[in-house]
Amino acid sequence: SRILAMESSMYRPKTGGIRPLDAAVHHSEVIDTV
């Protein structure tokens, strides 16, 4: 019945588009905290 919590972190490339491996590295670094 309720939405209890939501935490997100978005990978933002410094230049260019998303490189899949860089996004994955970002995810693995922040997932525990999220």
PDB file of all heavy atoms in Angstrom:
ATOM      1  N   SER A   1       0.792  -1.227   0.000  1.00  0.00           N
ATOM      2  CA  SER A   1       0.000   0.000   0.000  1.00  0.00           C
ATOM      3  C   SER A   1       0.830   1.286   0.000  1.00  0.00           C
ATOM      4  O   SER A   1       0.315   2.353  -0.292  1.00  0.00           O
ATOM      5  CB  SER A   1      -0.931   0.011   1.215  1.00  0.00           C
ATOM      6  OG  SER A   1      -0.161  -0.108   2.393  1.00  0.00           O
ATOM      7  N   ARG A   2       2.108   1.170   0.308  1.00  0.00           N
ATOM      8  CA  ARG A   2       2.908   2.397   0.443  1.00  0.00           C
ATOM      9  C   ARG A   2       4.229   2.300  -0.311  1.00  0.00           C
ATOM     10  O   ARG A   2       4.802   1.222  -0.450  1.00  0.00           O
ATOM     11  CB  ARG A   2       3.229   2.660   1.923  1.00  0.00           C
ATOM     12  CG  ARG A   2       2.022   2.985   2.792  1.00  0.00           C
ATOM     13  CD  ARG A   2       2.418   2.958   4.266  1.00  0.00           C
ATOM     14  NE  ARG A   2       3.084   1.700   4.625  1.00  0.00           N
ATOM     15  CZ  ARG A   2       3.895   1.548   5.670  1.00  0.00           C
ATOM     16  NH1 ARG A   2       4.172   2.561   6.462  1.00  0.00           N
ATOM     17  NH2 ARG A   2       4.433   0.360   5.932  1.00  0.00           N
ATOM     18  N   ILE A   3       4.707   3.462  -0.737  1.00  0.00           N
ATOM     19  CA  ILE A   3       6.060   3.566  -1.270  1.00  0.00           C
ATOM     20  C   ILE A   3       6.920   4.048  -0.102  1.00  0.00           C
ATOM     21  O   ILE A   3       6.684   5.118   0.450  1.00  0.00           O
ATOM     22  CB  ILE A   3       6.084   4.527  -2.482  1.00  0.00           C
ATOM     23  CG1 ILE A   3       5.377   3.845  -3.652  1.00  0.00           C
ATOM     24  CG2 ILE A   3       7.515   4.929  -2.829  1.00  0.00           C
ATOM     25  CD1 ILE A   3       5.154   4.686  -4.876  1.00  0.00           C
ATOM     26  N   LEU A   4       7.862   3.210   0.319  1.00  0.00           N
ATOM     27  CA  LEU A   4       8.592   3.470   1.561  1.00  0.00           C
ATOM     28  C   LEU A   4       9.859   4.301   1.355  1.00  0.00           C
ATOM     29  O   LEU A   4      10.201   5.125   2.198  1.00  0.00           O
ATOM     30  CB  LEU A   4       8.954   2.144   2.247  1.00  0.00           C
ATOM     31  CG  LEU A   4       7.762   1.229   2.584  1.00  0.00           C
ATOM     32  CD1 LEU A   4       8.249  -0.089   3.165  1.00  0.00           C
ATOM     33  CD2 LEU A   4       6.811   1.914   3.561  1.00  0.00           C
ATOM     34  N   ALA A   5      10.580   4.055   0.268  1.00  0.00           N
ATOM     35  CA  ALA A   5      11.833   4.786   0.059  1.00  0.00           C
ATOM     36  C   ALA A   5      12.327   4.599  -1.366  1.00  0.00           C
ATOM     37  O   ALA A   5      12.039   3.583  -2.007  1.00  0.00           O
ATOM     38  CB  ALA A   5      12.905   4.293   1.035  1.00  0.00           C
ATOM     39  N   MET A   6      13.081   5.593  -1.832  1.00  0.00           N
ATOM     40  CA  MET A   6      13.755   5.448  -3.111  1.00  0.00           C
ATOM     41  C   MET A   6      15.042   6.253  -3.090  1.00  0.00           C
ATOM     42  O   MET A   6      15.054   7.405  -2.673  1.00  0.00           O
ATOM     43  CB  MET A   6      12.872   5.941  -4.256  1.00  0.00           C
ATOM     44  CG  MET A   6      13.553   5.818  -5.604  1.00  0.00           C
ATOM     45  SD  MET A   6      12.381   6.018  -6.939  1.00  0.00           S
ATOM     46  CE  MET A   6      12.688   7.716  -7.380  1.00  0.00           C
ATOM     47  N   GLU A   7      16.120   5.624  -3.506  1.00  0.00           N
ATOM     48  CA  GLU A   7      17.422   6.298  -3.608  1.00  0.00           C
ATOM     49  C   GLU A   7      18.021   5.961  -4.959  1.00  0.00           C
ATOM     50  O   GLU A   7      18.014   4.799  -5.362  1.00  0.00           O
ATOM     51  CB  GLU A   7      18.365   5.796  -2.508  1.00  0.00           C
ATOM     52  CG  GLU A   7      18.171   6.457  -1.158  1.00  0.00           C
ATOM     53  CD  GLU A   7      18.565   7.933  -1.157  1.00  0.00           C
ATOM     54  OE1 GLU A   7      19.636   8.272  -1.693  1.00  0.00           O
ATOM     55  OE2 GLU A   7      17.795   8.740  -0.614  1.00  0.00           O
ATOM     56  N   SER A   8      18.541   6.972  -5.658  1.00  0.00           N
ATOM     57  CA  SER A   8      19.115   6.738  -6.988  1.00  0.00           C
ATOM     58  C   SER A   8      20.428   7.483  -7.155  1.00  0.00           C
ATOM     59  O   SER A   8      20.670   8.481  -6.481  1.00  0.00           O
ATOM     60  CB  SER A   8      18.151   7.215  -8.079  1.00  0.00           C
ATOM     61  OG  SER A   8      16.908   6.570  -7.967  1.00  0.00           O
ATOM     62  N   SER A   9      21.246   6.991  -8.073  1.00  0.00           N
ATOM     63  CA  SER A   9      22.463   7.706  -8.449  1.00  0.00           C
ATOM     64  C   SER A   9      22.648   7.553  -9.948  1.00  0.00           C
ATOM     65  O   SER A   9      22.626   6.448 -10.472  1.00  0.00           O
ATOM     66  CB  SER A   9      23.670   7.119  -7.704  1.00  0.00           C
ATOM     67  OG  SER A   9      24.858   7.705  -8.186  1.00  0.00           O
ATOM     68  N   MET A  10      22.808   8.684 -10.625  1.00  0.00           N
ATOM     69  CA  MET A  10      22.918   8.664 -12.084  1.00  0.00           C
ATOM     70  C   MET A  10      24.369   8.879 -12.499  1.00  0.00           C
ATOM     71  O   MET A  10      25.043   9.769 -11.992  1.00  0.00           O
ATOM     72  CB  MET A  10      22.041   9.764 -12.678  1.00  0.00           C
ATOM     73  CG  MET A  10      22.001   9.767 -14.194  1.00  0.00           C
ATOM     74  SD  MET A  10      20.839  11.056 -14.731  1.00  0.00           S
ATOM     75  CE  MET A  10      20.961  10.892 -16.505  1.00  0.00           C
ATOM     76  N   TYR A  11      24.824   8.031 -13.408  1.00  0.00           N
ATOM     77  CA  TYR A  11      26.165   8.193 -13.957  1.00  0.00           C
ATOM     78  C   TYR A  11      26.120   9.267 -15.038  1.00  0.00           C
ATOM     79  O   TYR A  11      25.340   9.159 -15.980  1.00  0.00           O
ATOM     80  CB  TYR A  11      26.650   6.860 -14.537  1.00  0.00           C
ATOM     81  CG  TYR A  11      27.806   6.985 -15.502  1.00  0.00           C
ATOM     82  CD1 TYR A  11      29.080   7.335 -15.046  1.00  0.00           C
ATOM     83  CD2 TYR A  11      27.624   6.773 -16.868  1.00  0.00           C
ATOM     84  CE1 TYR A  11      30.142   7.465 -15.926  1.00  0.00           C
ATOM     85  CE2 TYR A  11      28.689   6.905 -17.758  1.00  0.00           C
ATOM     86  CZ  TYR A  11      29.940   7.252 -17.274  1.00  0.00           C
ATOM     87  OH  TYR A  11      30.976   7.382 -18.147  1.00  0.00           O
ATOM     88  N   ARG A  12      26.940  10.314 -14.877  1.00  0.00           N
ATOM     89  CA  ARG A  12      26.983  11.384 -15.873  1.00  0.00           C
ATOM     90  C   ARG A  12      28.388  11.455 -16.466  1.00  0.00           C
ATOM     91  O   ARG A  12      29.317  11.872 -15.792  1.00  0.00           O
ATOM     92  CB  ARG A  12      26.641  12.725 -15.232  1.00  0.00           C
ATOM     93  CG  ARG A  12      25.213  12.795 -14.745  1.00  0.00           C
ATOM     94  CD  ARG A  12      24.941  14.087 -13.990  1.00  0.00           C
ATOM     95  NE  ARG A  12      23.611  14.054 -13.392  1.00  0.00           N
ATOM     96  CZ  ARG A  12      22.497  14.414 -14.020  1.00  0.00           C
ATOM     97  NH1 ARG A  12      22.548  14.835 -15.265  1.00  0.00           N
ATOM     98  NH2 ARG A  12      21.327  14.351 -13.402  1.00  0.00           N
ATOM     99  N   PRO A  13      28.524  11.040 -17.727  1.00  0.00           N
ATOM    100  CA  PRO A  13      29.865  11.084 -18.342  1.00  0.00           C
ATOM    101  C   PRO A  13      30.364  12.525 -18.440  1.00  0.00           C
ATOM    102  O   PRO A  13      29.578  13.437 -18.676  1.00  0.00           O
ATOM    103  CB  PRO A  13      29.630  10.488 -19.734  1.00  0.00           C
ATOM    104  CG  PRO A  13      28.168  10.570 -19.977  1.00  0.00           C
ATOM    105  CD  PRO A  13      27.489  10.579 -18.646  1.00  0.00           C
ATOM    106  N   LYS A  14      31.669  12.709 -18.228  1.00  0.00           N
ATOM    107  CA  LYS A  14      32.224  14.062 -18.310  1.00  0.00           C
ATOM    108  C   LYS A  14      32.188  14.565 -19.747  1.00  0.00           C
ATOM    109  O   LYS A  14      31.948  15.729 -20.013  1.00  0.00           O
ATOM    110  CB  LYS A  14      33.655  14.080 -17.762  1.00  0.00           C
ATOM    111  CG  LYS A  14      33.658  13.895 -16.250  1.00  0.00           C
ATOM    112  CD  LYS A  14      35.062  13.863 -15.659  1.00  0.00           C
ATOM    113  CE  LYS A  14      35.021  13.550 -14.175  1.00  0.00           C
ATOM    114  NZ  LYS A  14      34.332  12.252 -13.870  1.00  0.00           N
ATOM    115  N   THR A  15      32.436  13.657 -20.682  1.00  0.00           N
ATOM    116  CA  THR A  15      32.364  14.038 -22.093  1.00  0.00           C
ATOM    117  C   THR A  15      31.704  12.906 -22.854  1.00  0.00           C
ATOM    118  O   THR A  15      31.752  11.748 -22.436  1.00  0.00           O
ATOM    119  CB  THR A  15      33.776  14.227 -22.698  1.00  0.00           C
ATOM    120  OG1 THR A  15      34.517  13.023 -22.476  1.00  0.00           O
ATOM    121  CG2 THR A  15      34.510  15.382 -22.062  1.00  0.00           C
ATOM    122  N   GLY A  16      31.084  13.250 -23.976  1.00  0.00           N
ATOM    123  CA  GLY A  16      30.517  12.216 -24.849  1.00  0.00           C
ATOM    124  C   GLY A  16      29.332  11.498 -24.245  1.00  0.00           C
ATOM    125  O   GLY A  16      28.704  11.969 -23.303  1.00  0.00           O
ATOM    126  N   GLY A  17      29.037  10.320 -24.775  1.00  0.00           N
ATOM    127  CA  GLY A  17      27.863   9.556 -24.348  1.00  0.00           C
ATOM    128  C   GLY A  17      28.225   8.561 -23.260  1.00  0.00           C
ATOM    129  O   GLY A  17      29.282   8.633 -22.652  1.00  0.00           O
ATOM    130  N   ILE A  18      27.305   7.628 -23.024  1.00  0.00           N
ATOM    131  CA  ILE A  18      27.533   6.618 -21.983  1.00  0.00           C
ATOM    132  C   ILE A  18      28.452   5.527 -22.495  1.00  0.00           C
ATOM    133  O   ILE A  18      28.180   4.924 -23.530  1.00  0.00           O
ATOM    134  CB  ILE A  18      26.200   5.945 -21.580  1.00  0.00           C
ATOM    135  CG1 ILE A  18      25.288   6.957 -20.906  1.00  0.00           C
ATOM    136  CG2 ILE A  18      26.448   4.777 -20.631  1.00  0.00           C
ATOM    137  CD1 ILE A  18      24.019   6.331 -20.356  1.00  0.00           C
ATOM    138  N   ARG A  19      29.547   5.281 -21.775  1.00  0.00           N
ATOM    139  CA  ARG A  19      30.333   4.079 -22.071  1.00  0.00           C
ATOM    140  C   ARG A  19      29.861   3.014 -21.097  1.00  0.00           C
ATOM    141  O   ARG A  19      29.945   3.208 -19.884  1.00  0.00           O
ATOM    142  CB  ARG A  19      31.823   4.359 -21.865  1.00  0.00           C
ATOM    143  CG  ARG A  19      32.370   5.364 -22.869  1.00  0.00           C
ATOM    144  CD  ARG A  19      33.883   5.540 -22.683  1.00  0.00           C
ATOM    145  NE  ARG A  19      34.329   6.752 -23.360  1.00  0.00           N
ATOM    146  CZ  ARG A  19      34.241   7.978 -22.828  1.00  0.00           C
ATOM    147  NH1 ARG A  19      33.718   8.149 -21.629  1.00  0.00           N
ATOM    148  NH2 ARG A  19      34.663   9.022 -23.510  1.00  0.00           N
ATOM    149  N   PRO A  20      29.358   1.886 -21.616  1.00  0.00           N
ATOM    150  CA  PRO A  20      28.753   0.883 -20.734  1.00  0.00           C
ATOM    151  C   PRO A  20      29.634   0.469 -19.553  1.00  0.00           C
ATOM    152  O   PRO A  20      29.144   0.355 -18.429  1.00  0.00           O
ATOM    153  CB  PRO A  20      28.489  -0.294 -21.675  1.00  0.00           C
ATOM    154  CG  PRO A  20      28.267   0.345 -23.003  1.00  0.00           C
ATOM    155  CD  PRO A  20      29.193   1.536 -23.035  1.00  0.00           C
ATOM    156  N   LEU A  21      30.930   0.306 -19.781  1.00  0.00           N
ATOM    157  CA  LEU A  21      31.808  -0.129 -18.680  1.00  0.00           C
ATOM    158  C   LEU A  21      31.955   0.939 -17.610  1.00  0.00           C
ATOM    159  O   LEU A  21      31.988   0.637 -16.417  1.00  0.00           O
ATOM    160  CB  LEU A  21      33.176  -0.568 -19.203  1.00  0.00           C
ATOM    161  CG  LEU A  21      33.173  -1.954 -19.863  1.00  0.00           C
ATOM    162  CD1 LEU A  21      34.507  -2.241 -20.535  1.00  0.00           C
ATOM    163  CD2 LEU A  21      32.843  -3.046 -18.856  1.00  0.00           C
ATOM    164  N   ASP A  22      32.010   2.200 -18.035  1.00  0.00           N
ATOM    165  CA  ASP A  22      32.114   3.290 -17.058  1.00  0.00           C
ATOM    166  C   ASP A  22      30.852   3.366 -16.201  1.00  0.00           C
ATOM    167  O   ASP A  22      30.919   3.592 -14.991  1.00  0.00           O
ATOM    168  CB  ASP A  22      32.330   4.635 -17.768  1.00  0.00           C
ATOM    169  CG  ASP A  22      33.687   4.705 -18.461  1.00  0.00           C
ATOM    170  OD1 ASP A  22      34.489   3.778 -18.268  1.00  0.00           O
ATOM    171  OD2 ASP A  22      33.934   5.683 -19.188  1.00  0.00           O
ATOM    172  N   ALA A  23      29.698   3.161 -16.830  1.00  0.00           N
ATOM    173  CA  ALA A  23      28.432   3.170 -16.090  1.00  0.00           C
ATOM    174  C   ALA A  23      28.435   2.039 -15.055  1.00  0.00           C
ATOM    175  O   ALA A  23      28.041   2.229 -13.903  1.00  0.00           O
ATOM    176  CB  ALA A  23      27.249   3.031 -17.042  1.00  0.00           C
ATOM    177  N   ALA A  24      28.926   0.873 -15.463  1.00  0.00           N
ATOM    178  CA  ALA A  24      28.964  -0.280 -14.559  1.00  0.00           C
ATOM    179  C   ALA A  24      29.906  -0.036 -13.381  1.00  0.00           C
ATOM    180  O   ALA A  24      29.599  -0.402 -12.242  1.00  0.00           O
ATOM    181  CB  ALA A  24      29.374  -1.534 -15.326  1.00  0.00           C
ATOM    182  N   VAL A  25      31.036   0.595 -13.645  1.00  0.00           N
ATOM    183  CA  VAL A  25      31.984   0.921 -12.564  1.00  0.00           C
ATOM    184  C   VAL A  25      31.314   1.880 -11.574  1.00  0.00           C
ATOM    185  O   VAL A  25      31.370   1.686 -10.366  1.00  0.00           O
ATOM    186  CB  VAL A  25      33.294   1.526 -13.135  1.00  0.00           C
ATOM    187  CG1 VAL A  25      34.142   2.132 -12.018  1.00  0.00           C
ATOM    188  CG2 VAL A  25      34.079   0.458 -13.892  1.00  0.00           C
ATOM    189  N   HIS A  26      30.637   2.893 -12.110  1.00  0.00           N
ATOM    190  CA  HIS A  26      29.889   3.831 -11.251  1.00  0.00           C
ATOM    191  C   HIS A  26      28.889   3.067 -10.386  1.00  0.00           C
ATOM    192  O   HIS A  26      28.803   3.261  -9.176  1.00  0.00           O
ATOM    193  CB  HIS A  26      29.177   4.882 -12.109  1.00  0.00           C
ATOM    194  CG  HIS A  26      28.071   5.606 -11.393  1.00  0.00           C
ATOM    195  ND1 HIS A  26      26.747   5.205 -11.470  1.00  0.00           N
ATOM    196  CD2 HIS A  26      28.077   6.684 -10.566  1.00  0.00           C
ATOM    197  CE1 HIS A  26      26.008   6.012 -10.726  1.00  0.00           C
ATOM    198  NE2 HIS A  26      26.795   6.919 -10.170  1.00  0.00           N
ATOM    199  N   HIS A  27      28.122   2.174 -11.013  1.00  0.00           N
ATOM    200  CA  HIS A  27      27.099   1.422 -10.282  1.00  0.00           C
ATOM    201  C   HIS A  27      27.719   0.596  -9.155  1.00  0.00           C
ATOM    202  O   HIS A  27      27.219   0.581  -8.035  1.00  0.00           O
ATOM    203  CB  HIS A  27      26.309   0.505 -11.231  1.00  0.00           C
ATOM    204  CG  HIS A  27      25.479   1.247 -12.231  1.00  0.00           C
ATOM    205  ND1 HIS A  27      25.379   2.618 -12.253  1.00  0.00           N
ATOM    206  CD2 HIS A  27      24.698   0.796 -13.257  1.00  0.00           C
ATOM    207  CE1 HIS A  27      24.579   2.983 -13.240  1.00  0.00           C
ATOM    208  NE2 HIS A  27      24.157   1.901 -13.863  1.00  0.00           N
ATOM    209  N   SER A  28      28.818  -0.090  -9.477  1.00  0.00           N
ATOM    210  CA  SER A  28      29.421  -0.960  -8.450  1.00  0.00           C
ATOM    211  C   SER A  28      30.005  -0.129  -7.306  1.00  0.00           C
ATOM    212  O   SER A  28      30.027  -0.583  -6.166  1.00  0.00           O
ATOM    213  CB  SER A  28      30.479  -1.880  -9.068  1.00  0.00           C
ATOM    214  OG  SER A  28      31.477  -1.122  -9.680  1.00  0.00           O
ATOM    215  N   GLU A  29      30.434   1.102  -7.598  1.00  0.00           N
ATOM    216  CA  GLU A  29      30.984   1.964  -6.543  1.00  0.00           C
ATOM    217  C   GLU A  29      29.906   2.503  -5.603  1.00  0.00           C
ATOM    218  O   GLU A  29      30.157   2.695  -4.416  1.00  0.00           O
ATOM    219  CB  GLU A  29      31.751   3.145  -7.159  1.00  0.00           C
ATOM    220  CG  GLU A  29      33.135   2.742  -7.658  1.00  0.00           C
ATOM    221  CD  GLU A  29      33.782   3.818  -8.543  1.00  0.00           C
ATOM    222  OE1 GLU A  29      33.152   4.874  -8.788  1.00  0.00           O
ATOM    223  OE2 GLU A  29      34.924   3.576  -8.994  1.00  0.00           O
ATOM    224  N   VAL A  30      28.701   2.773  -6.140  1.00  0.00           N
ATOM    225  CA  VAL A  30      27.684   3.446  -5.305  1.00  0.00           C
ATOM    226  C   VAL A  30      26.545   2.549  -4.838  1.00  0.00           C
ATOM    227  O   VAL A  30      25.755   2.959  -3.978  1.00  0.00           O
ATOM    228  CB  VAL A  30      27.081   4.686  -6.023  1.00  0.00           C
ATOM    229  CG1 VAL A  30      28.172   5.690  -6.377  1.00  0.00           C
ATOM    230  CG2 VAL A  30      26.285   4.280  -7.262  1.00  0.00           C
ATOM    231  N   ILE A  31      26.442   1.328  -5.375  1.00  0.00           N
ATOM    232  CA  ILE A  31      25.243   0.510  -5.111  1.00  0.00           C
ATOM    233  C   ILE A  31      25.027   0.223  -3.626  1.00  0.00           C
ATOM    234  O   ILE A  31      23.901   0.295  -3.133  1.00  0.00           O
ATOM    235  CB  ILE A  31      25.230  -0.782  -5.972  1.00  0.00           C
ATOM    236  CG1 ILE A  31      23.837  -1.444  -5.908  1.00  0.00           C
ATOM    237  CG2 ILE A  31      26.336  -1.759  -5.568  1.00  0.00           C
ATOM    238  CD1 ILE A  31      23.578  -2.443  -7.025  1.00  0.00           C
ATOM    239  N   ASP A  32      26.108  -0.047  -2.884  1.00  0.00           N
ATOM    240  CA  ASP A  32      25.967  -0.329  -1.446  1.00  0.00           C
ATOM    241  C   ASP A  32      25.373   0.871  -0.713  1.00  0.00           C
ATOM    242  O   ASP A  32      24.474   0.730   0.114  1.00  0.00           O
ATOM    243  CB  ASP A  32      27.333  -0.674  -0.821  1.00  0.00           C
ATOM    244  CG  ASP A  32      27.850  -2.021  -1.314  1.00  0.00           C
ATOM    245  OD1 ASP A  32      27.094  -2.712  -2.025  1.00  0.00           O
ATOM    246  OD2 ASP A  32      28.999  -2.371  -0.984  1.00  0.00           O
ATOM    247  N   THR A  33      25.905   2.043  -1.034  1.00  0.00           N
ATOM    248  CA  THR A  33      25.417   3.286  -0.408  1.00  0.00           C
ATOM    249  C   THR A  33      23.956   3.530  -0.751  1.00  0.00           C
ATOM    250  O   THR A  33      23.153   3.902   0.112  1.00  0.00           O
ATOM    251  CB  THR A  33      26.256   4.492  -0.897  1.00  0.00           C
ATOM    252  OG1 THR A  33      27.628   4.111  -0.882  1.00  0.00           O
ATOM    253  CG2 THR A  33      26.046   5.713  -0.042  1.00  0.00           C
ATOM    254  N   VAL A  34      23.599   3.338  -2.020  1.00  0.00           N
ATOM    255  CA  VAL A  34      22.228   3.561  -2.487  1.00  0.00           C
ATOM    256  C   VAL A  34      21.264   2.638  -1.725  1.00  0.00           C
ATOM    257  O   VAL A  34      20.217   3.074  -1.243  1.00  0.00           O
ATOM    258  CB  VAL A  34      22.137   3.362  -4.024  1.00  0.00           C
ATOM    259  CG1 VAL A  34      20.699   3.218  -4.489  1.00  0.00           C
ATOM    260  CG2 VAL A  34      22.815   4.517  -4.756  1.00  0.00           C
TER     261      VAL A  34
END
